[in-house]
PDB file of N, CA and C in Angstrom:
ATOM      1  N   MET A   1      -2.175 -12.953   8.068  1.00  0.00           N
ATOM      2  CA  MET A   1      -1.229 -12.040   7.058  1.00  0.00           C
ATOM      3  C   MET A   1      -1.941 -10.924   5.930  1.00  0.00           C
ATOM      4  N   ILE A   2      -0.609  -9.900   6.199  1.00  0.00           N
ATOM      5  CA  ILE A   2      -1.079  -8.849   5.186  1.00  0.00           C
ATOM      6  C   ILE A   2      -0.825  -9.100   4.024  1.00  0.00           C
ATOM      7  N   GLN A   3      -2.063  -8.476   3.295  1.00  0.00           N
ATOM      8  CA  GLN A   3      -2.070  -9.003   1.474  1.00  0.00           C
ATOM      9  C   GLN A   3      -2.323  -7.826   0.960  1.00  0.00           C
ATOM     10  N   PHE A   4      -1.661  -7.199   0.183  1.00  0.00           N
ATOM     11  CA  PHE A   4      -1.120  -5.948  -0.512  1.00  0.00           C
ATOM     12  C   PHE A   4      -2.463  -5.663  -1.750  1.00  0.00           C
ATOM     13  N   LEU A   5      -2.924  -4.420  -1.740  1.00  0.00           N
ATOM     14  CA  LEU A   5      -3.575  -4.320  -3.446  1.00  0.00           C
ATOM     15  C   LEU A   5      -2.585  -3.032  -3.910  1.00  0.00           C
ATOM     16  N   ILE A   6      -1.976  -3.710  -5.199  1.00  0.00           N
ATOM     17  CA  ILE A   6      -1.047  -2.413  -5.512  1.00  0.00           C
ATOM     18  C   ILE A   6      -2.054  -1.933  -6.552  1.00  0.00           C
ATOM     19  N   ASP A   7      -1.855  -0.272  -6.670  1.00  0.00           N
ATOM     20  CA  ASP A   7      -2.958   0.661  -6.952  1.00  0.00           C
ATOM     21  C   ASP A   7      -2.265   0.923  -8.850  1.00  0.00           C
ATOM     22  N   GLU A   8      -3.299   0.705  -9.534  1.00  0.00           N
ATOM     23  CA  GLU A   8      -3.011   1.034 -10.902  1.00  0.00           C
ATOM     24  C   GLU A   8      -1.934   2.014 -11.430  1.00  0.00           C
ATOM     25  N   CYS A   9      -1.735   2.973 -10.513  1.00  0.00           N
ATOM     26  CA  CYS A   9      -0.520   3.911 -11.053  1.00  0.00           C
ATOM     27  C   CYS A   9       0.660   3.520 -10.679  1.00  0.00           C
ATOM     28  N   LEU A  10       0.696   2.274  -9.903  1.00  0.00           N
ATOM     29  CA  LEU A  10       2.231   1.575  -9.612  1.00  0.00           C
ATOM     30  C   LEU A  10       2.667   0.727 -10.414  1.00  0.00           C
ATOM     31  N   THR A  11       4.032   0.207 -10.458  1.00  0.00           N
ATOM     32  CA  THR A  11       4.297  -0.786 -11.755  1.00  0.00           C
ATOM     33  C   THR A  11       3.871  -2.275 -11.068  1.00  0.00           C
ATOM     34  N   PRO A  12       3.301  -2.915 -11.707  1.00  0.00           N
ATOM     35  CA  PRO A  12       2.657  -4.398 -11.533  1.00  0.00           C
ATOM     36  C   PRO A  12       3.998  -5.250 -10.839  1.00  0.00           C
ATOM     37  N   LYS A  13       5.240  -4.933 -11.184  1.00  0.00           N
ATOM     38  CA  LYS A  13       6.430  -5.489 -10.750  1.00  0.00           C
ATOM     39  C   LYS A  13       6.415  -5.320  -8.984  1.00  0.00           C
ATOM     40  N   LEU A  14       5.741  -4.505  -8.426  1.00  0.00           N
ATOM     41  CA  LEU A  14       5.296  -4.645  -6.785  1.00  0.00           C
ATOM     42  C   LEU A  14       4.855  -5.859  -6.598  1.00  0.00           C
ATOM     43  N   VAL A  15       3.876  -6.542  -7.143  1.00  0.00           N
ATOM     44  CA  VAL A  15       3.560  -7.707  -6.801  1.00  0.00           C
ATOM     45  C   VAL A  15       4.674  -9.066  -6.687  1.00  0.00           C
ATOM     46  N   GLU A  16       5.527  -8.853  -7.402  1.00  0.00           N
ATOM     47  CA  GLU A  16       6.747  -9.904  -7.416  1.00  0.00           C
ATOM     48  C   GLU A  16       7.615  -9.611  -5.999  1.00  0.00           C
ATOM     49  N   VAL A  17       7.688  -8.289  -5.776  1.00  0.00           N
ATOM     50  CA  VAL A  17       8.560  -7.949  -4.654  1.00  0.00           C
ATOM     51  C   VAL A  17       7.987  -8.568  -3.377  1.00  0.00           C
ATOM     52  N   ALA A  18       6.418  -7.946  -3.578  1.00  0.00           N
ATOM     53  CA  ALA A  18       5.828  -8.418  -2.070  1.00  0.00           C
ATOM     54  C   ALA A  18       6.102  -9.939  -2.144  1.00  0.00           C
ATOM     55  N   ASN A  19       5.748 -10.644  -2.897  1.00  0.00           N
ATOM     56  CA  ASN A  19       6.062 -12.386  -3.117  1.00  0.00           C
ATOM     57  C   ASN A  19       7.002 -12.646  -2.770  1.00  0.00           C
ATOM     58  N   ARG A  20       8.307 -12.043  -3.495  1.00  0.00           N
ATOM     59  CA  ARG A  20       9.610 -12.379  -2.743  1.00  0.00           C
ATOM     60  C   ARG A  20       9.857 -12.347  -1.362  1.00  0.00           C
ATOM     61  N   PHE A  21       9.353 -10.955  -0.443  1.00  0.00           N
ATOM     62  CA  PHE A  21       8.950 -11.118   1.152  1.00  0.00           C
ATOM     63  C   PHE A  21       8.057 -12.035   1.609  1.00  0.00           C
ATOM     64  N   GLY A  22       7.615 -12.819   1.094  1.00  0.00           N
ATOM     65  CA  GLY A  22       6.498 -13.901   1.730  1.00  0.00           C
ATOM     66  C   GLY A  22       4.963 -13.026   1.766  1.00  0.00           C
ATOM     67  N   TYR A  23       4.862 -12.183   1.050  1.00  0.00           N
ATOM     68  CA  TYR A  23       3.599 -11.673   1.052  1.00  0.00           C
ATOM     69  C   TYR A  23       2.661 -12.032  -0.569  1.00  0.00           C
ATOM     70  N   VAL A  24       1.379 -11.687   0.095  1.00  0.00           N
ATOM     71  CA  VAL A  24       0.787 -11.890  -1.053  1.00  0.00           C
ATOM     72  C   VAL A  24      -0.058 -10.766  -1.707  1.00  0.00           C
ATOM     73  N   ALA A  25       0.026 -10.497  -2.798  1.00  0.00           N
ATOM     74  CA  ALA A  25      -0.394  -9.314  -3.591  1.00  0.00           C
ATOM     75  C   ALA A  25      -1.293  -9.178  -4.679  1.00  0.00           C
ATOM     76  N   TYR A  26      -1.837  -8.316  -4.866  1.00  0.00           N
ATOM     77  CA  TYR A  26      -2.621  -8.500  -6.368  1.00  0.00           C
ATOM     78  C   TYR A  26      -2.725  -6.740  -6.706  1.00  0.00           C
ATOM     79  N   HIS A  27      -2.239  -6.546  -8.073  1.00  0.00           N
ATOM     80  CA  HIS A  27      -2.117  -5.530  -8.742  1.00  0.00           C
ATOM     81  C   HIS A  27      -3.517  -5.334  -9.255  1.00  0.00           C
ATOM     82  N   VAL A  28      -4.264  -4.171  -9.239  1.00  0.00           N
ATOM     83  CA  VAL A  28      -5.420  -3.394  -9.822  1.00  0.00           C
ATOM     84  C   VAL A  28      -5.728  -4.178 -11.429  1.00  0.00           C
ATOM     85  N   VAL A  29      -5.030  -3.870 -11.961  1.00  0.00           N
ATOM     86  CA  VAL A  29      -5.233  -4.041 -13.519  1.00  0.00           C
ATOM     87  C   VAL A  29      -5.323  -5.626 -13.437  1.00  0.00           C
ATOM     88  N   HIS A  30      -4.627  -6.875 -12.893  1.00  0.00           N
ATOM     89  CA  HIS A  30      -4.682  -8.075 -12.644  1.00  0.00           C
ATOM     90  C   HIS A  30      -5.979  -8.476 -11.960  1.00  0.00           C
ATOM     91  N   ARG A  31      -7.089  -8.046 -11.299  1.00  0.00           N
ATOM     92  CA  ARG A  31      -8.071  -7.946 -10.692  1.00  0.00           C
ATOM     93  C   ARG A  31      -8.990  -7.592 -11.848  1.00  0.00           C
ATOM     94  N   GLY A  32      -8.556  -6.677 -12.986  1.00  0.00           N
ATOM     95  CA  GLY A  32      -9.822  -6.215 -13.531  1.00  0.00           C
ATOM     96  C   GLY A  32     -10.424  -4.939 -13.312  1.00  0.00           C
ATOM     97  N   TRP A  33      -9.756  -4.173 -12.248  1.00  0.00           N
ATOM     98  CA  TRP A  33     -10.181  -3.033 -11.773  1.00  0.00           C
ATOM     99  C   TRP A  33      -9.790  -1.587 -12.279  1.00  0.00           C
ATOM    100  N   THR A  34      -9.168  -2.102 -13.482  1.00  0.00           N
ATOM    101  CA  THR A  34      -8.726  -0.704 -14.141  1.00  0.00           C
ATOM    102  C   THR A  34      -9.796   0.367 -14.346  1.00  0.00           C
ATOM    103  N   GLY A  35      -9.489   1.516 -13.952  1.00  0.00           N
ATOM    104  CA  GLY A  35     -10.364   2.498 -14.387  1.00  0.00           C
ATOM    105  C   GLY A  35     -11.657   2.617 -13.495  1.00  0.00           C
ATOM    106  N   LYS A  36     -11.344   1.889 -12.185  1.00  0.00           N
ATOM    107  CA  LYS A  36     -12.386   1.912 -11.406  1.00  0.00           C
ATOM    108  C   LYS A  36     -12.236   3.200 -10.621  1.00  0.00           C
ATOM    109  N   GLU A  37     -13.218   3.890  -9.711  1.00  0.00           N
ATOM    110  CA  GLU A  37     -13.028   4.775  -9.191  1.00  0.00           C
ATOM    111  C   GLU A  37     -12.524   4.605  -7.824  1.00  0.00           C
ATOM    112  N   ASP A  38     -11.773   5.483  -7.004  1.00  0.00           N
ATOM    113  CA  ASP A  38     -11.266   5.148  -5.657  1.00  0.00           C
ATOM    114  C   ASP A  38     -12.000   4.715  -4.685  1.00  0.00           C
ATOM    115  N   PRO A  39     -13.259   5.287  -4.614  1.00  0.00           N
ATOM    116  CA  PRO A  39     -14.198   4.869  -3.563  1.00  0.00           C
ATOM    117  C   PRO A  39     -14.427   3.284  -3.513  1.00  0.00           C
ATOM    118  N   GLU A  40     -14.736   2.993  -4.938  1.00  0.00           N
ATOM    119  CA  GLU A  40     -14.907   1.342  -5.340  1.00  0.00           C
ATOM    120  C   GLU A  40     -13.581   0.615  -4.915  1.00  0.00           C
ATOM    121  N   ILE A  41     -12.377   1.043  -5.519  1.00  0.00           N
ATOM    122  CA  ILE A  41     -11.288   0.543  -4.770  1.00  0.00           C
ATOM    123  C   ILE A  41     -11.276   0.160  -3.199  1.00  0.00           C
ATOM    124  N   LEU A  42     -11.498   1.508  -2.363  1.00  0.00           N
ATOM    125  CA  LEU A  42     -11.669   0.946  -1.071  1.00  0.00           C
ATOM    126  C   LEU A  42     -12.703   0.418  -0.772  1.00  0.00           C
ATOM    127  N   ALA A  43     -13.581   0.161  -1.139  1.00  0.00           N
ATOM    128  CA  ALA A  43     -14.648  -0.887  -0.935  1.00  0.00           C
ATOM    129  C   ALA A  43     -14.220  -2.240  -1.186  1.00  0.00           C
ATOM    130  N   TYR A  44     -13.428  -2.744  -2.002  1.00  0.00           N
ATOM    131  CA  TYR A  44     -12.689  -3.800  -2.315  1.00  0.00           C
ATOM    132  C   TYR A  44     -11.582  -3.943  -1.398  1.00  0.00           C
ATOM    133  N   MET A  45     -10.963  -2.908  -0.894  1.00  0.00           N
ATOM    134  CA  MET A  45      -9.801  -2.983  -0.015  1.00  0.00           C
ATOM    135  C   MET A  45     -10.667  -3.458   1.648  1.00  0.00           C
ATOM    136  N   ARG A  46     -11.368  -3.064   1.878  1.00  0.00           N
ATOM    137  CA  ARG A  46     -12.514  -3.109   3.040  1.00  0.00           C
ATOM    138  C   ARG A  46     -12.720  -4.726   2.820  1.00  0.00           C
ATOM    139  N   GLU A  47     -13.523  -4.746   1.610  1.00  0.00           N
ATOM    140  CA  GLU A  47     -14.090  -6.354   1.605  1.00  0.00           C
ATOM    141  C   GLU A  47     -13.065  -7.219   1.993  1.00  0.00           C
ATOM    142  N   GLU A  48     -11.739  -7.433   1.358  1.00  0.00           N
ATOM    143  CA  GLU A  48     -11.003  -8.395   1.245  1.00  0.00           C
ATOM    144  C   GLU A  48      -9.881  -7.957   2.127  1.00  0.00           C
ATOM    145  N   SER A  49      -9.742  -7.081   2.936  1.00  0.00           N
ATOM    146  CA  SER A  49      -8.792  -6.504   4.053  1.00  0.00           C
ATOM    147  C   SER A  49      -7.346  -6.518   3.149  1.00  0.00           C
ATOM    148  N   LEU A  50      -7.610  -5.743   2.005  1.00  0.00           N
ATOM    149  CA  LEU A  50      -6.434  -5.381   1.472  1.00  0.00           C
ATOM    150  C   LEU A  50      -5.462  -4.224   2.021  1.00  0.00           C
ATOM    151  N   THR A  51      -4.277  -4.009   2.305  1.00  0.00           N
ATOM    152  CA  THR A  51      -3.636  -2.647   2.381  1.00  0.00           C
ATOM    153  C   THR A  51      -3.056  -2.535   1.231  1.00  0.00           C
ATOM    154  N   LEU A  52      -3.546  -1.223   0.909  1.00  0.00           N
ATOM    155  CA  LEU A  52      -3.543  -0.630  -0.229  1.00  0.00           C
ATOM    156  C   LEU A  52      -1.884  -0.089  -0.540  1.00  0.00           C
ATOM    157  N   VAL A  53      -1.118  -0.036  -1.796  1.00  0.00           N
ATOM    158  CA  VAL A  53      -0.242   0.557  -1.995  1.00  0.00           C
ATOM    159  C   VAL A  53      -0.157   1.365  -3.210  1.00  0.00           C
ATOM    160  N   THR A  54       0.189   2.643  -2.967  1.00  0.00           N
ATOM    161  CA  THR A  54      -0.337   3.582  -4.092  1.00  0.00           C
ATOM    162  C   THR A  54       0.577   4.876  -3.978  1.00  0.00           C
ATOM    163  N   ASN A  55       0.530   5.718  -4.769  1.00  0.00           N
ATOM    164  CA  ASN A  55       1.235   7.370  -4.986  1.00  0.00           C
ATOM    165  C   ASN A  55       0.082   8.309  -4.851  1.00  0.00           C
ATOM    166  N   ASN A  56      -1.304   7.795  -4.681  1.00  0.00           N
ATOM    167  CA  ASN A  56      -2.307   8.738  -5.100  1.00  0.00           C
ATOM    168  C   ASN A  56      -2.804   8.860  -3.285  1.00  0.00           C
ATOM    169  N   TRP A  57      -2.023   9.209  -2.798  1.00  0.00           N
ATOM    170  CA  TRP A  57      -2.474   9.841  -1.413  1.00  0.00           C
ATOM    171  C   TRP A  57      -3.481  10.927  -1.057  1.00  0.00           C
ATOM    172  N   ARG A  58      -3.422  11.741  -2.297  1.00  0.00           N
ATOM    173  CA  ARG A  58      -4.200  13.264  -2.249  1.00  0.00           C
ATOM    174  C   ARG A  58      -5.698  12.765  -2.116  1.00  0.00           C
ATOM    175  N   ASP A  59      -6.141  11.456  -2.917  1.00  0.00           N
ATOM    176  CA  ASP A  59      -7.455  11.194  -3.165  1.00  0.00           C
ATOM    177  C   ASP A  59      -7.817   9.821  -1.714  1.00  0.00           C
ATOM    178  N   PHE A  60      -6.852   9.080  -1.728  1.00  0.00           N
ATOM    179  CA  PHE A  60      -6.822   7.817  -0.709  1.00  0.00           C
ATOM    180  C   PHE A  60      -6.609   8.317   0.661  1.00  0.00           C
ATOM    181  N   GLY A  61      -5.970   9.391   1.029  1.00  0.00           N
ATOM    182  CA  GLY A  61      -5.718  10.137   2.514  1.00  0.00           C
ATOM    183  C   GLY A  61      -7.050  10.528   2.954  1.00  0.00           C
ATOM    184  N   PRO A  62      -7.664  11.467   2.275  1.00  0.00           N
ATOM    185  CA  PRO A  62      -9.134  11.552   2.903  1.00  0.00           C
ATOM    186  C   PRO A  62      -9.977  10.691   3.425  1.00  0.00           C
ATOM    187  N   MET A  63     -10.213   9.743   2.344  1.00  0.00           N
ATOM    188  CA  MET A  63     -10.995   8.477   2.538  1.00  0.00           C
ATOM    189  C   MET A  63     -10.787   7.460   3.585  1.00  0.00           C
ATOM    190  N   LEU A  64      -9.389   7.599   3.698  1.00  0.00           N
ATOM    191  CA  LEU A  64      -9.045   6.750   5.034  1.00  0.00           C
ATOM    192  C   LEU A  64      -9.150   7.234   6.225  1.00  0.00           C
ATOM    193  N   ARG A  65      -8.710   8.758   6.302  1.00  0.00           N
ATOM    194  CA  ARG A  65      -9.128   9.273   7.262  1.00  0.00           C
ATOM    195  C   ARG A  65     -10.683   9.407   7.784  1.00  0.00           C
ATOM    196  N   ARG A  66     -11.584   8.821   7.014  1.00  0.00           N
ATOM    197  CA  ARG A  66     -12.777   8.992   7.415  1.00  0.00           C
ATOM    198  C   ARG A  66     -13.458   7.541   7.654  1.00  0.00           C
ATOM    199  N   GLU A  67     -12.551   6.602   7.779  1.00  0.00           N
ATOM    200  CA  GLU A  67     -12.952   5.170   8.094  1.00  0.00           C
ATOM    201  C   GLU A  67     -12.524   4.733   9.365  1.00  0.00           C
ATOM    202  N   GLU A  68     -13.389   4.248  10.342  1.00  0.00           N
ATOM    203  CA  GLU A  68     -13.117   3.837  11.449  1.00  0.00           C
ATOM    204  C   GLU A  68     -12.010   2.873  11.877  1.00  0.00           C
ATOM    205  N   ILE A  69     -12.110   2.160  10.973  1.00  0.00           N
ATOM    206  CA  ILE A  69     -11.154   0.911  10.381  1.00  0.00           C
ATOM    207  C   ILE A  69     -10.790   0.482   9.160  1.00  0.00           C
ATOM    208  N   HIS A  70      -9.635   0.284   8.796  1.00  0.00           N
ATOM    209  CA  HIS A  70      -9.137   0.215   7.445  1.00  0.00           C
ATOM    210  C   HIS A  70      -8.153  -0.627   7.458  1.00  0.00           C
ATOM    211  N   PRO A  71      -7.719  -1.341   6.261  1.00  0.00           N
ATOM    212  CA  PRO A  71      -6.562  -2.237   6.396  1.00  0.00           C
ATOM    213  C   PRO A  71      -5.043  -1.457   6.177  1.00  0.00           C
ATOM    214  N   GLY A  72      -5.211  -0.207   5.931  1.00  0.00           N
ATOM    215  CA  GLY A  72      -3.790   0.316   5.893  1.00  0.00           C
ATOM    216  C   GLY A  72      -3.574   0.604   4.639  1.00  0.00           C
ATOM    217  N   ALA A  73      -2.247   1.462   4.720  1.00  0.00           N
ATOM    218  CA  ALA A  73      -1.375   2.086   3.120  1.00  0.00           C
ATOM    219  C   ALA A  73      -0.342   1.979   3.204  1.00  0.00           C
ATOM    220  N   ILE A  74       0.329   2.029   2.060  1.00  0.00           N
ATOM    221  CA  ILE A  74       1.865   2.107   1.581  1.00  0.00           C
ATOM    222  C   ILE A  74       1.695   3.206   0.828  1.00  0.00           C
ATOM    223  N   VAL A  75       2.388   4.819   1.184  1.00  0.00           N
ATOM    224  CA  VAL A  75       2.209   5.763   0.149  1.00  0.00           C
ATOM    225  C   VAL A  75       3.803   5.779  -0.561  1.00  0.00           C
ATOM    226  N   ILE A  76       3.432   5.507  -1.543  1.00  0.00           N
ATOM    227  CA  ILE A  76       5.140   5.466  -2.189  1.00  0.00           C
ATOM    228  C   ILE A  76       5.127   6.946  -3.398  1.00  0.00           C
ATOM    229  N   PRO A  77       6.238   7.571  -3.068  1.00  0.00           N
ATOM    230  CA  PRO A  77       6.090   9.063  -3.921  1.00  0.00           C
ATOM    231  C   PRO A  77       6.164   8.668  -5.301  1.00  0.00           C
ATOM    232  N   ASP A  78       5.659   9.703  -6.056  1.00  0.00           N
ATOM    233  CA  ASP A  78       5.605   9.591  -7.511  1.00  0.00           C
ATOM    234  C   ASP A  78       6.911   9.620  -8.309  1.00  0.00           C
ATOM    235  N   LEU A  79       7.370   8.284  -8.307  1.00  0.00           N
ATOM    236  CA  LEU A  79       8.997   8.127  -8.809  1.00  0.00           C
ATOM    237  C   LEU A  79       8.815   7.104  -9.994  1.00  0.00           C
ATOM    238  N   PRO A  80       9.977   6.931 -10.956  1.00  0.00           N
ATOM    239  CA  PRO A  80       9.966   6.204 -11.734  1.00  0.00           C
ATOM    240  C   PRO A  80      10.100   4.584 -11.334  1.00  0.00           C
ATOM    241  N   ARG A  81       9.233   3.775 -12.445  1.00  0.00           N
ATOM    242  CA  ARG A  81       9.285   2.096 -11.812  1.00  0.00           C
ATOM    243  C   ARG A  81       9.951   1.744 -10.962  1.00  0.00           C
ATOM    244  N   ALA A  82      11.308   1.642 -11.453  1.00  0.00           N
ATOM    245  CA  ALA A  82      12.679   0.926 -10.585  1.00  0.00           C
ATOM    246  C   ALA A  82      12.853   1.617  -9.347  1.00  0.00           C
ATOM    247  N   GLU A  83      12.410   2.823  -9.199  1.00  0.00           N
ATOM    248  CA  GLU A  83      12.363   3.202  -8.031  1.00  0.00           C
ATOM    249  C   GLU A  83      11.358   3.161  -7.012  1.00  0.00           C
ATOM    250  N   GLN A  84      10.429   3.149  -7.629  1.00  0.00           N
ATOM    251  CA  GLN A  84       9.229   1.971  -6.687  1.00  0.00           C
ATOM    252  C   GLN A  84       9.261   0.754  -6.213  1.00  0.00           C
ATOM    253  N   ILE A  85      10.104   0.194  -6.794  1.00  0.00           N
ATOM    254  CA  ILE A  85      10.664  -0.932  -6.399  1.00  0.00           C
ATOM    255  C   ILE A  85      11.331  -1.233  -5.080  1.00  0.00           C
ATOM    256  N   VAL A  86      12.601   0.046  -5.190  1.00  0.00           N
ATOM    257  CA  VAL A  86      13.112   0.072  -3.975  1.00  0.00           C
ATOM    258  C   VAL A  86      12.392   0.707  -2.809  1.00  0.00           C
ATOM    259  N   ALA A  87      11.495   1.253  -3.076  1.00  0.00           N
ATOM    260  CA  ALA A  87      10.968   2.228  -1.955  1.00  0.00           C
ATOM    261  C   ALA A  87       9.628   1.369  -1.493  1.00  0.00           C
ATOM    262  N   PHE A  88       9.339   0.467  -2.186  1.00  0.00           N
ATOM    263  CA  PHE A  88       8.488  -0.898  -1.383  1.00  0.00           C
ATOM    264  C   PHE A  88       9.200  -1.933  -0.995  1.00  0.00           C
ATOM    265  N   GLU A  89      10.192  -2.088  -1.406  1.00  0.00           N
ATOM    266  CA  GLU A  89      11.255  -2.812  -0.337  1.00  0.00           C
ATOM    267  C   GLU A  89      11.506  -2.321   0.555  1.00  0.00           C
ATOM    268  N   ARG A  90      11.766  -0.970   0.860  1.00  0.00           N
ATOM    269  CA  ARG A  90      12.007  -0.305   2.484  1.00  0.00           C
ATOM    270  C   ARG A  90      10.935  -0.269   3.299  1.00  0.00           C
ATOM    271  N   ALA A  91       9.813  -0.158   2.627  1.00  0.00           N
ATOM    272  CA  ALA A  91       8.323  -0.096   3.386  1.00  0.00           C
ATOM    273  C   ALA A  91       8.120  -1.696   3.809  1.00  0.00           C
ATOM    274  N   LEU A  92       8.291  -2.675   3.028  1.00  0.00           N
ATOM    275  CA  LEU A  92       8.504  -4.067   3.598  1.00  0.00           C
ATOM    276  C   LEU A  92       9.404  -4.144   4.656  1.00  0.00           C
ATOM    277  N   ARG A  93      10.362  -3.728   4.538  1.00  0.00           N
ATOM    278  CA  ARG A  93      11.658  -4.128   5.714  1.00  0.00           C
ATOM    279  C   ARG A  93      11.190  -3.114   6.928  1.00  0.00           C
ATOM    280  N   ALA A  94      10.604  -2.254   6.794  1.00  0.00           N
ATOM    281  CA  ALA A  94      10.039  -1.414   8.126  1.00  0.00           C
ATOM    282  C   ALA A  94       8.980  -2.115   8.733  1.00  0.00           C
ATOM    283  N   ILE A  95       7.976  -2.739   8.049  1.00  0.00           N
ATOM    284  CA  ILE A  95       6.796  -3.788   8.608  1.00  0.00           C
ATOM    285  C   ILE A  95       7.702  -4.463   9.229  1.00  0.00           C
ATOM    286  N   GLU A  96       8.680  -5.504   8.385  1.00  0.00           N
ATOM    287  CA  GLU A  96       9.282  -6.887   9.460  1.00  0.00           C
ATOM    288  C   GLU A  96      10.303  -6.249  10.204  1.00  0.00           C
ATOM    289  N   ALA A  97      10.712  -5.154  10.589  1.00  0.00           N
ATOM    290  CA  ALA A  97      11.591  -4.586  11.627  1.00  0.00           C
ATOM    291  C   ALA A  97      10.814  -4.253  12.732  1.00  0.00           C
ATOM    292  N   SER A  98       9.248  -4.287  12.542  1.00  0.00           N
ATOM    293  CA  SER A  98       8.683  -3.890  13.959  1.00  0.00           C
ATOM    294  C   SER A  98       8.861  -4.988  14.454  1.00  0.00           C
ATOM    295  N   ASP A  99       8.846  -5.127  16.246  1.00  0.00           N
ATOM    296  CA  ASP A  99       8.772  -6.507  16.879  1.00  0.00           C
ATOM    297  C   ASP A  99       7.444  -6.658  17.601  1.00  0.00           C
ATOM    298  N   PRO A 100       6.672  -7.117  17.413  1.00  0.00           N
ATOM    299  CA  PRO A 100       6.051  -8.245  16.364  1.00  0.00           C
ATOM    300  C   PRO A 100       6.105  -7.418  15.125  1.00  0.00           C
ATOM    301  N   PRO A 101       6.259  -8.557  13.927  1.00  0.00           N
ATOM    302  CA  PRO A 101       5.976  -7.261  12.780  1.00  0.00           C
ATOM    303  C   PRO A 101       4.872  -6.657  12.557  1.00  0.00           C
ATOM    304  N   ALA A 102       4.740  -5.565  11.955  1.00  0.00           N
ATOM    305  CA  ALA A 102       3.445  -4.887  11.980  1.00  0.00           C
ATOM    306  C   ALA A 102       2.274  -5.604  11.432  1.00  0.00           C
ATOM    307  N   ASP A 103       1.040  -4.917  12.254  1.00  0.00           N
ATOM    308  CA  ASP A 103      -0.425  -5.629  11.481  1.00  0.00           C
ATOM    309  C   ASP A 103      -0.690  -4.191  11.028  1.00  0.00           C
ATOM    310  N   MET A 104      -0.988  -3.967   9.952  1.00  0.00           N
ATOM    311  CA  MET A 104      -1.380  -2.565   9.115  1.00  0.00           C
ATOM    312  C   MET A 104      -2.774  -1.957   9.392  1.00  0.00           C
ATOM    313  N   VAL A 105      -3.497  -2.632  10.041  1.00  0.00           N
ATOM    314  CA  VAL A 105      -4.510  -2.445  10.306  1.00  0.00           C
ATOM    315  C   VAL A 105      -4.549  -0.707  10.819  1.00  0.00           C
ATOM    316  N   ASN A 106      -5.112   0.211  10.461  1.00  0.00           N
ATOM    317  CA  ASN A 106      -5.248   1.903  10.487  1.00  0.00           C
ATOM    318  C   ASN A 106      -4.041   2.191  10.424  1.00  0.00           C
ATOM    319  N   THR A 107      -2.753   1.585   9.563  1.00  0.00           N
ATOM    320  CA  THR A 107      -1.588   2.226   9.626  1.00  0.00           C
ATOM    321  C   THR A 107      -1.055   2.631   8.418  1.00  0.00           C
ATOM    322  N   VAL A 108      -0.509   3.702   8.499  1.00  0.00           N
ATOM    323  CA  VAL A 108      -0.026   3.954   7.122  1.00  0.00           C
ATOM    324  C   VAL A 108       1.487   3.996   7.280  1.00  0.00           C
ATOM    325  N   ILE A 109       2.097   3.514   6.096  1.00  0.00           N
ATOM    326  CA  ILE A 109       3.640   3.727   5.982  1.00  0.00           C
ATOM    327  C   ILE A 109       4.051   4.722   4.438  1.00  0.00           C
ATOM    328  N   GLU A 110       4.425   5.796   5.024  1.00  0.00           N
ATOM    329  CA  GLU A 110       4.586   6.602   3.972  1.00  0.00           C
ATOM    330  C   GLU A 110       6.206   7.052   3.476  1.00  0.00           C
ATOM    331  N   LEU A 111       6.709   6.928   2.221  1.00  0.00           N
ATOM    332  CA  LEU A 111       8.452   6.581   2.137  1.00  0.00           C
ATOM    333  C   LEU A 111       8.327   8.436   1.104  1.00  0.00           C
ATOM    334  N   MET A 112       9.171   9.043   2.298  1.00  0.00           N
ATOM    335  CA  MET A 112       9.488  10.276   1.840  1.00  0.00           C
ATOM    336  C   MET A 112      11.072   9.832   1.091  1.00  0.00           C
ATOM    337  N   GLU A 113      11.207  11.349   0.535  1.00  0.00           N
ATOM    338  CA  GLU A 113      12.262  11.089  -0.469  1.00  0.00           C
ATOM    339  C   GLU A 113      13.268  11.919   0.794  1.00  0.00           C
ATOM    340  N   PRO A 114      14.543  11.527   0.914  1.00  0.00           N
ATOM    341  CA  PRO A 114      15.585  10.415   0.209  1.00  0.00           C
ATOM    342  C   PRO A 114      15.551   9.543   1.454  1.00  0.00           C
ATOM    343  N   GLY A 115      14.867   8.402   1.202  1.00  0.00           N
ATOM    344  CA  GLY A 115      15.133   7.491   2.075  1.00  0.00           C
ATOM    345  C   GLY A 115      14.449   7.369   3.311  1.00  0.00           C
ATOM    346  N   GLU A 116      13.297   8.492   3.867  1.00  0.00           N
ATOM    347  CA  GLU A 116      12.470   8.719   4.924  1.00  0.00           C
ATOM    348  C   GLU A 116      11.536   7.629   5.141  1.00  0.00           C
ATOM    349  N   VAL A 117      11.440   7.053   6.079  1.00  0.00           N
ATOM    350  CA  VAL A 117      10.234   6.609   6.226  1.00  0.00           C
ATOM    351  C   VAL A 117       9.146   6.609   7.363  1.00  0.00           C
ATOM    352  N   ARG A 118       8.141   6.987   7.060  1.00  0.00           N
ATOM    353  CA  ARG A 118       7.202   7.899   8.356  1.00  0.00           C
ATOM    354  C   ARG A 118       6.091   7.086   8.304  1.00  0.00           C
ATOM    355  N   VAL A 119       5.721   6.073   9.647  1.00  0.00           N
ATOM    356  CA  VAL A 119       4.986   5.387  10.078  1.00  0.00           C
ATOM    357  C   VAL A 119       3.822   6.259  10.896  1.00  0.00           C
ATOM    358  N   PHE A 120       2.656   6.019  10.632  1.00  0.00           N
ATOM    359  CA  PHE A 120       1.711   6.668  11.524  1.00  0.00           C
ATOM    360  C   PHE A 120       0.208   5.893  11.438  1.00  0.00           C
ATOM    361  N   GLN A 121      -0.508   6.373  12.513  1.00  0.00           N
ATOM    362  CA  GLN A 121      -1.933   5.568  12.455  1.00  0.00           C
ATOM    363  C   GLN A 121      -3.025   6.904  12.024  1.00  0.00           C
ATOM    364  N   ILE A 122      -3.840   6.013  11.545  1.00  0.00           N
ATOM    365  CA  ILE A 122      -5.278   7.329  11.327  1.00  0.00           C
ATOM    366  C   ILE A 122      -6.458   6.184  11.185  1.00  0.00           C
ATOM    367  N   PRO A 123      -7.397   6.506  11.576  1.00  0.00           N
ATOM    368  CA  PRO A 123      -7.900   7.683  12.049  1.00  0.00           C
ATOM    369  C   PRO A 123      -7.356   7.830  13.502  1.00  0.00           C
TER     370      PRO A 123
END
């Protein structure tokens, strides 16, 4: 089952959204990882197979491209908190719409404005 790690730049309410969809999610703040450097967050993701939810693709994108296998990412644009929730719901629906539901290994779901969802594999 996919488990999500919500980056500190996003609202903690995304944990509730994931739970409502039947997924387990953690927020960086609730794990005590506030202020950790991105490479440390990447190490936690790998260790616990946590799919990252972030709006910091500029930093995480290059790091994930160097990984042979990674637990995936959902990229939300820089949006107000209420819109982050709507965007994350779109991403979760995209996961569930695939048949069978997507496994996020090496998968990135990027939410584009307005309403476009882009799914791709890296590396």
